[in-house]
C-alpha atoms as a PDB file:
ATOM      1  CA  LEU A   1      -7.822 -20.526  17.036  1.00  0.00           C
ATOM      2  CA  GLY A   2     -10.198 -22.547  14.980  1.00  0.00           C
ATOM      3  CA  ALA A   3     -10.779 -22.090  11.151  1.00  0.00           C
ATOM      4  CA  LYS A   4     -14.098 -20.376  12.180  1.00  0.00           C
ATOM      5  CA  GLU A   5     -12.613 -18.075  14.591  1.00  0.00           C
ATOM      6  CA  ALA A   6      -9.635 -17.437  12.402  1.00  0.00           C
ATOM      7  CA  GLU A   7     -11.471 -17.158   8.934  1.00  0.00           C
ATOM      8  CA  VAL A   8     -13.873 -14.159  11.413  1.00  0.00           C
ATOM      9  CA  LEU A   9     -10.925 -12.415  12.519  1.00  0.00           C
ATOM     10  CA  LEU A  10      -9.139 -11.610   9.497  1.00  0.00           C
ATOM     11  CA  ASN A  11     -12.161 -10.584   7.750  1.00  0.00           C
ATOM     12  CA  VAL A  12     -13.022  -7.727  10.476  1.00  0.00           C
ATOM     13  CA  LYS A  13     -12.743  -4.193  10.000  1.00  0.00           C
ATOM     14  CA  HIS A  14     -10.892  -3.685  13.294  1.00  0.00           C
ATOM     15  CA  ARG A  15      -8.829  -6.784  14.497  1.00  0.00           C
ATOM     16  CA  PRO A  16      -7.934  -5.200  18.165  1.00  0.00           C
ATOM     17  CA  THR A  17     -11.485  -4.530  18.337  1.00  0.00           C
ATOM     18  CA  ARG A  18     -12.534  -8.070  17.646  1.00  0.00           C
ATOM     19  CA  VAL A  19     -10.003  -9.487  19.592  1.00  0.00           C
ATOM     20  CA  LEU A  20     -10.799  -7.412  23.014  1.00  0.00           C
ATOM     21  CA  GLN A  21     -14.643  -8.739  22.473  1.00  0.00           C
ATOM     22  CA  ASP A  22     -13.601 -12.451  22.018  1.00  0.00           C
ATOM     23  CA  LEU A  23     -11.151 -11.841  25.650  1.00  0.00           C
ATOM     24  CA  SER A  24     -14.293 -10.439  26.937  1.00  0.00           C
ATOM     25  CA  LEU A  25     -16.614 -12.574  26.018  1.00  0.00           C
ATOM     26  CA  LEU A  26     -14.384 -15.948  27.014  1.00  0.00           C
ATOM     27  CA  MET A  27     -13.968 -14.282  30.610  1.00  0.00           C
ATOM     28  CA  ARG A  28     -17.812 -13.530  30.758  1.00  0.00           C
ATOM     29  CA  ARG A  29     -18.231 -17.353  29.800  1.00  0.00           C
ATOM     30  CA  GLN A  30     -15.675 -18.944  33.060  1.00  0.00           C
ATOM     31  CA  GLU A  31     -16.469 -19.414  36.316  1.00  0.00           C
ATOM     32  CA  MET A  32     -14.172 -16.912  38.547  1.00  0.00           C
ATOM     33  CA  GLU A  33     -14.265 -15.070  41.485  1.00  0.00           C
ATOM     34  CA  PRO A  34     -15.332 -11.447  41.334  1.00  0.00           C
ATOM     35  CA  PRO A  35     -11.829 -10.082  42.337  1.00  0.00           C
ATOM     36  CA  THR A  36     -10.038 -12.389  39.776  1.00  0.00           C
ATOM     37  CA  ARG A  37     -12.762 -11.228  37.204  1.00  0.00           C
ATOM     38  CA  SER A  38     -12.097  -7.731  38.157  1.00  0.00           C
ATOM     39  CA  LYS A  39      -8.478  -7.936  37.816  1.00  0.00           C
ATOM     40  CA  ILE A  40      -8.942  -9.503  34.497  1.00  0.00           C
ATOM     41  CA  ASP A  41     -11.169  -7.162  33.146  1.00  0.00           C
ATOM     42  CA  GLY A  42      -9.025  -4.328  34.410  1.00  0.00           C
ATOM     43  CA  ALA A  43      -6.082  -5.751  32.101  1.00  0.00           C
ATOM     44  CA  LEU A  44      -8.451  -5.905  29.255  1.00  0.00           C
ATOM     45  CA  SER A  45      -9.189  -2.176  29.855  1.00  0.00           C
ATOM     46  CA  ALA A  46      -5.658  -1.324  29.659  1.00  0.00           C
ATOM     47  CA  LEU A  47      -5.019  -3.404  26.681  1.00  0.00           C
ATOM     48  CA  GLY A  48      -7.631  -1.551  24.810  1.00  0.00           C
ATOM     49  CA  SER A  49      -6.388   1.790  25.577  1.00  0.00           C
ATOM     50  CA  ALA A  50      -2.955   0.820  24.955  1.00  0.00           C
ATOM     51  CA  ALA A  51      -3.992  -0.381  21.593  1.00  0.00           C
ATOM     52  CA  GLY A  52      -5.944   3.048  20.818  1.00  0.00           C
ATOM     53  CA  ILE A  53      -2.821   4.455  21.782  1.00  0.00           C
ATOM     54  CA  MET A  54      -0.885   2.798  19.464  1.00  0.00           C
ATOM     55  CA  GLU A  55      -3.088   3.182  16.532  1.00  0.00           C
ATOM     56  CA  ARG A  56      -2.960   6.766  17.185  1.00  0.00           C
ATOM     57  CA  LEU A  57       0.792   6.877  16.857  1.00  0.00           C
ATOM     58  CA  TYR A  58       0.732   4.286  13.979  1.00  0.00           C
ATOM     59  CA  LYS A  59      -1.522   6.833  11.967  1.00  0.00           C
ATOM     60  CA  GLN A  60       0.561   9.834  12.831  1.00  0.00           C
ATOM     61  CA  PRO A  61       2.432  10.974  10.482  1.00  0.00           C
ATOM     62  CA  LEU A  62       6.511  11.404  10.722  1.00  0.00           C
ATOM     63  CA  PRO A  63       8.161  14.610  10.210  1.00  0.00           C
ATOM     64  CA  LEU A  64      10.241  14.646   7.144  1.00  0.00           C
ATOM     65  CA  VAL A  65      13.091  15.966   9.054  1.00  0.00           C
ATOM     66  CA  TYR A  66      12.893  12.613  11.168  1.00  0.00           C
ATOM     67  CA  SER A  67      12.571  10.485   8.545  1.00  0.00           C
ATOM     68  CA  ARG A  68      15.780  12.225   6.923  1.00  0.00           C
ATOM     69  CA  PHE A  69      17.798  12.162  10.195  1.00  0.00           C
ATOM     70  CA  SER A  70      17.126   8.499  10.174  1.00  0.00           C
ATOM     71  CA  GLY A  71      18.356   7.597   6.516  1.00  0.00           C
ATOM     72  CA  ARG A  72      21.426   9.420   6.986  1.00  0.00           C
ATOM     73  CA  TYR A  73      21.830   7.476  10.411  1.00  0.00           C
ATOM     74  CA  LEU A  74      21.649   4.410   8.915  1.00  0.00           C
ATOM     75  CA  ALA A  75      23.605   5.347   6.246  1.00  0.00           C
ATOM     76  CA  LEU A  76      26.424   6.284   8.262  1.00  0.00           C
ATOM     77  CA  TRP A  77      25.725   3.029  10.186  1.00  0.00           C
ATOM     78  CA  VAL A  78      26.104   0.952   7.545  1.00  0.00           C
ATOM     79  CA  LEU A  79      28.992   2.988   6.575  1.00  0.00           C
ATOM     80  CA  LEU A  80      31.234   2.573   9.466  1.00  0.00           C
ATOM     81  CA  MET A  81      30.011  -1.180  10.454  1.00  0.00           C
ATOM     82  CA  PRO A  82      33.050  -2.803   8.413  1.00  0.00           C
ATOM     83  CA  PHE A  83      35.307  -0.491  10.431  1.00  0.00           C
ATOM     84  CA  ALA A  84      33.687  -1.774  13.657  1.00  0.00           C
ATOM     85  CA  LEU A  85      33.577  -5.908  12.519  1.00  0.00           C
ATOM     86  CA  TRP A  86      37.615  -5.033  11.618  1.00  0.00           C
ATOM     87  CA  GLY A  87      38.714  -7.151  14.846  1.00  0.00           C
ATOM     88  CA  GLU A  88      36.148 -10.135  14.256  1.00  0.00           C
ATOM     89  CA  LEU A  89      36.980 -10.597  11.088  1.00  0.00           C
ATOM     90  CA  LYS A  90      40.866 -10.709  11.960  1.00  0.00           C
ATOM     91  CA  GLY A  91      41.485  -7.211   9.659  1.00  0.00           C
ATOM     92  CA  SER A  92      40.059  -8.749   6.121  1.00  0.00           C
ATOM     93  CA  TRP A  93      40.296  -5.719   3.211  1.00  0.00           C
ATOM     94  CA  VAL A  94      37.762  -7.333   1.457  1.00  0.00           C
ATOM     95  CA  LEU A  95      35.122  -6.896   4.359  1.00  0.00           C
ATOM     96  CA  ILE A  96      34.796  -2.985   3.393  1.00  0.00           C
ATOM     97  CA  PRO A  97      33.924  -3.511  -0.086  1.00  0.00           C
ATOM     98  CA  VAL A  98      31.502  -6.499   0.619  1.00  0.00           C
ATOM     99  CA  MET A  99      29.925  -4.351   2.931  1.00  0.00           C
ATOM    100  CA  LEU A 100      29.333  -1.121   0.572  1.00  0.00           C
ATOM    101  CA  PHE A 101      27.364  -3.183  -2.379  1.00  0.00           C
ATOM    102  CA  PHE A 102      25.288  -5.057   0.251  1.00  0.00           C
END
């Protein structure tokens, strides 16, 4: 992207829609056979649909139970990591306190 296009893209309200619009305009300007144009148009349409689905998932609130489970799972994983690395680090006891503080 050039500086002008980058500035326009950074200042729009919804970037994915703008990118899809720019890609569609670029496709229309190119000389290509109709089957190729149709395939590219279908791919852009699928990309737009996927972007819409991802945006809906992103805006969906995460249930409290899931966030608590994730936190507990990560805490357990971090606490057990020194034991998993025990053999790789030749059984160094220093590993356990270091992992607990970092």
